[in-house]
C-alpha cells in the first residue's frame, strides 16, 4: 500500500523541521489502515514499533511517500514494514505491530 502526505507549517517543530511525533502518527495511521483493509472484520490497536530513528530532516512543502508492505501475521497480531521516502531517498523505516482485539479490548485470534 502506498500513501502520501504534504508537510505543512502545522507539522513543523520550533526549528522549522518536521516534528517527529507527526511522522510517527502518520506511520501508525497508515499501518492501521493497511491492517484494516487486509482484515476488515477485525479491530486493531498498535502495540509497538521496533525502531525509531530519523535519518534525514524534512522541511515544509515536502511530499512524503509512505509504503506499507509485507505483513507478518501471528496468532493475534500483524507486523507491517513501513518505509518513508522523500523523493527517492528513504528517510525513515520501522516495523509496526498491531494486535487484534475484541469488543472488550482483549486480544483475540486473527481469522
C-alpha atoms as a PDB file:
ATOM      1  CA  UNK A   1       0.000   0.000   0.000  1.00  0.00           C
ATOM      2  CA  UNK A   2       1.226   3.491  -0.761  1.00  0.00           C
ATOM      3  CA  UNK A   3       0.148   6.850   0.728  1.00  0.00           C
ATOM      4  CA  UNK A   4       1.344  10.433   0.520  1.00  0.00           C
ATOM      5  CA  UNK A   5       1.451  13.328   2.962  1.00  0.00           C
ATOM      6  CA  UNK A   6       2.240  17.001   2.376  1.00  0.00           C
ATOM      7  CA  UNK A   7       4.286  18.598   5.181  1.00  0.00           C
ATOM      8  CA  UNK A   8       2.516  21.827   6.218  1.00  0.00           C
ATOM      9  CA  UNK A   9       3.509  24.588   8.684  1.00  0.00           C
ATOM     10  CA  UNK A  10       1.453  22.992  11.486  1.00  0.00           C
ATOM     11  CA  UNK A  11       3.597  19.844  11.203  1.00  0.00           C
ATOM     12  CA  UNK A  12       6.872  21.657  11.984  1.00  0.00           C
ATOM     13  CA  UNK A  13       8.824  21.959  15.221  1.00  0.00           C
ATOM     14  CA  UNK A  14      10.299  25.161  16.635  1.00  0.00           C
ATOM     15  CA  UNK A  15      13.305  24.877  14.284  1.00  0.00           C
ATOM     16  CA  UNK A  16      11.245  24.645  11.083  1.00  0.00           C
ATOM     17  CA  UNK A  17      11.615  20.900  10.528  1.00  0.00           C
ATOM     18  CA  UNK A  18       9.005  18.142  10.611  1.00  0.00           C
ATOM     19  CA  UNK A  19       8.119  17.269  14.209  1.00  0.00           C
ATOM     20  CA  UNK A  20       8.982  13.584  14.708  1.00  0.00           C
ATOM     21  CA  UNK A  21       5.715  12.931  16.527  1.00  0.00           C
ATOM     22  CA  UNK A  22       3.762  13.820  13.394  1.00  0.00           C
ATOM     23  CA  UNK A  23       5.766  11.369  11.308  1.00  0.00           C
ATOM     24  CA  UNK A  24       5.172   8.624  13.892  1.00  0.00           C
ATOM     25  CA  UNK A  25       1.435   9.399  13.908  1.00  0.00           C
ATOM     26  CA  UNK A  26       1.269   9.042  10.107  1.00  0.00           C
ATOM     27  CA  UNK A  27       3.272   5.798  10.170  1.00  0.00           C
ATOM     28  CA  UNK A  28       0.907   4.400  12.814  1.00  0.00           C
ATOM     29  CA  UNK A  29      -2.185   5.560  10.910  1.00  0.00           C
ATOM     30  CA  UNK A  30      -1.074   4.052   7.591  1.00  0.00           C
ATOM     31  CA  UNK A  31      -0.152   0.718   9.219  1.00  0.00           C
ATOM     32  CA  UNK A  32      -3.590   0.633  10.880  1.00  0.00           C
ATOM     33  CA  UNK A  33      -5.290   1.382   7.532  1.00  0.00           C
ATOM     34  CA  UNK A  34      -3.340  -1.444   5.856  1.00  0.00           C
ATOM     35  CA  UNK A  35      -4.320  -3.889   8.617  1.00  0.00           C
ATOM     36  CA  UNK A  36      -7.962  -2.836   8.489  1.00  0.00           C
ATOM     37  CA  UNK A  37      -8.107  -3.202   4.709  1.00  0.00           C
ATOM     38  CA  UNK A  38      -6.486  -6.654   4.917  1.00  0.00           C
ATOM     39  CA  UNK A  39      -8.775  -7.800   7.772  1.00  0.00           C
ATOM     40  CA  UNK A  40     -11.937  -5.652   7.510  1.00  0.00           C
ATOM     41  CA  UNK A  41     -13.848  -7.507  10.238  1.00  0.00           C
ATOM     42  CA  UNK A  42     -11.122  -7.025  12.871  1.00  0.00           C
ATOM     43  CA  UNK A  43     -10.370  -4.264  15.379  1.00  0.00           C
ATOM     44  CA  UNK A  44      -6.712  -3.316  15.691  1.00  0.00           C
ATOM     45  CA  UNK A  45      -4.623  -1.324  18.144  1.00  0.00           C
ATOM     46  CA  UNK A  46      -0.919  -0.590  17.877  1.00  0.00           C
ATOM     47  CA  UNK A  47       1.333  -2.347  20.382  1.00  0.00           C
ATOM     48  CA  UNK A  48       4.720  -1.218  19.136  1.00  0.00           C
ATOM     49  CA  UNK A  49       7.260  -0.014  16.623  1.00  0.00           C
ATOM     50  CA  UNK A  50      10.579  -1.829  16.510  1.00  0.00           C
ATOM     51  CA  UNK A  51      12.840   1.143  15.870  1.00  0.00           C
ATOM     52  CA  UNK A  52      12.560   4.915  15.742  1.00  0.00           C
ATOM     53  CA  UNK A  53      15.486   6.580  14.017  1.00  0.00           C
ATOM     54  CA  UNK A  54      15.013   9.666  11.868  1.00  0.00           C
ATOM     55  CA  UNK A  55      17.597   9.504   9.047  1.00  0.00           C
ATOM     56  CA  UNK A  56      17.021  12.957   7.493  1.00  0.00           C
ATOM     57  CA  UNK A  57      15.260  16.191   8.381  1.00  0.00           C
ATOM     58  CA  UNK A  58      12.173  17.257   6.433  1.00  0.00           C
ATOM     59  CA  UNK A  59      11.097  20.818   5.597  1.00  0.00           C
ATOM     60  CA  UNK A  60       7.742  22.454   4.875  1.00  0.00           C
ATOM     61  CA  UNK A  61       6.341  21.702   1.434  1.00  0.00           C
ATOM     62  CA  UNK A  62       7.893  18.245   1.193  1.00  0.00           C
ATOM     63  CA  UNK A  63       5.683  15.473  -0.149  1.00  0.00           C
ATOM     64  CA  UNK A  64       6.399  12.250   1.737  1.00  0.00           C
ATOM     65  CA  UNK A  65       5.637   8.815   0.306  1.00  0.00           C
ATOM     66  CA  UNK A  66       4.760   6.014   2.729  1.00  0.00           C
ATOM     67  CA  UNK A  67       4.970   2.352   1.729  1.00  0.00           C
ATOM     68  CA  UNK A  68       3.350  -0.297   3.919  1.00  0.00           C
ATOM     69  CA  UNK A  69       4.119  -3.895   2.995  1.00  0.00           C
ATOM     70  CA  UNK A  70       4.993  -7.452   3.940  1.00  0.00           C
ATOM     71  CA  UNK A  71       2.530  -8.197   6.740  1.00  0.00           C
ATOM     72  CA  UNK A  72       3.813 -10.853   9.095  1.00  0.00           C
ATOM     73  CA  UNK A  73       0.778 -12.437  10.773  1.00  0.00           C
ATOM     74  CA  UNK A  74       0.939 -14.044  14.189  1.00  0.00           C
ATOM     75  CA  UNK A  75      -1.882 -15.640  16.127  1.00  0.00           C
ATOM     76  CA  UNK A  76      -3.349 -12.326  17.363  1.00  0.00           C
ATOM     77  CA  UNK A  77      -1.149  -9.716  15.680  1.00  0.00           C
ATOM     78  CA  UNK A  78       0.209  -8.372  12.403  1.00  0.00           C
ATOM     79  CA  UNK A  79       3.556  -6.688  11.837  1.00  0.00           C
ATOM     80  CA  UNK A  80       3.924  -4.338   8.871  1.00  0.00           C
ATOM     81  CA  UNK A  81       7.065  -2.909   7.317  1.00  0.00           C
ATOM     82  CA  UNK A  82       6.655   0.864   6.884  1.00  0.00           C
ATOM     83  CA  UNK A  83       9.106   2.970   4.909  1.00  0.00           C
ATOM     84  CA  UNK A  84       9.009   6.731   4.355  1.00  0.00           C
ATOM     85  CA  UNK A  85      10.538   8.389   1.303  1.00  0.00           C
ATOM     86  CA  UNK A  86      11.427  11.947   0.323  1.00  0.00           C
ATOM     87  CA  UNK A  87      11.780  11.871  -3.456  1.00  0.00           C
ATOM     88  CA  UNK A  88      13.758   8.629  -3.927  1.00  0.00           C
ATOM     89  CA  UNK A  89      15.570   8.814  -0.576  1.00  0.00           C
ATOM     90  CA  UNK A  90      14.392   6.682   2.339  1.00  0.00           C
ATOM     91  CA  UNK A  91      14.228   8.906   5.434  1.00  0.00           C
ATOM     92  CA  UNK A  92      12.589   6.541   7.945  1.00  0.00           C
ATOM     93  CA  UNK A  93      11.654   2.878   8.333  1.00  0.00           C
ATOM     94  CA  UNK A  94      10.204   0.714  11.067  1.00  0.00           C
ATOM     95  CA  UNK A  95       8.026  -2.325  11.727  1.00  0.00           C
ATOM     96  CA  UNK A  96       4.639  -1.613  13.286  1.00  0.00           C
ATOM     97  CA  UNK A  97       2.867  -4.355  15.237  1.00  0.00           C
ATOM     98  CA  UNK A  98      -0.889  -4.189  15.682  1.00  0.00           C
ATOM     99  CA  UNK A  99      -2.911  -6.607  17.775  1.00  0.00           C
ATOM    100  CA  UNK A 100      -6.460  -7.751  17.033  1.00  0.00           C
ATOM    101  CA  UNK A 101      -8.876  -7.085  19.913  1.00  0.00           C
ATOM    102  CA  UNK A 102     -12.478  -7.970  20.688  1.00  0.00           C
ATOM    103  CA  UNK A 103     -15.231  -5.563  21.744  1.00  0.00           C
ATOM    104  CA  UNK A 104     -13.917  -5.634  25.345  1.00  0.00           C
ATOM    105  CA  UNK A 105     -10.345  -4.774  24.389  1.00  0.00           C
ATOM    106  CA  UNK A 106      -8.960  -8.294  24.936  1.00  0.00           C
ATOM    107  CA  UNK A 107      -6.619  -9.911  22.418  1.00  0.00           C
ATOM    108  CA  UNK A 108      -8.372 -12.197  20.006  1.00  0.00           C
ATOM    109  CA  UNK A 109      -7.171 -14.511  17.242  1.00  0.00           C
ATOM    110  CA  UNK A 110      -6.949 -13.313  13.664  1.00  0.00           C
ATOM    111  CA  UNK A 111      -9.449 -15.042  11.360  1.00  0.00           C
END
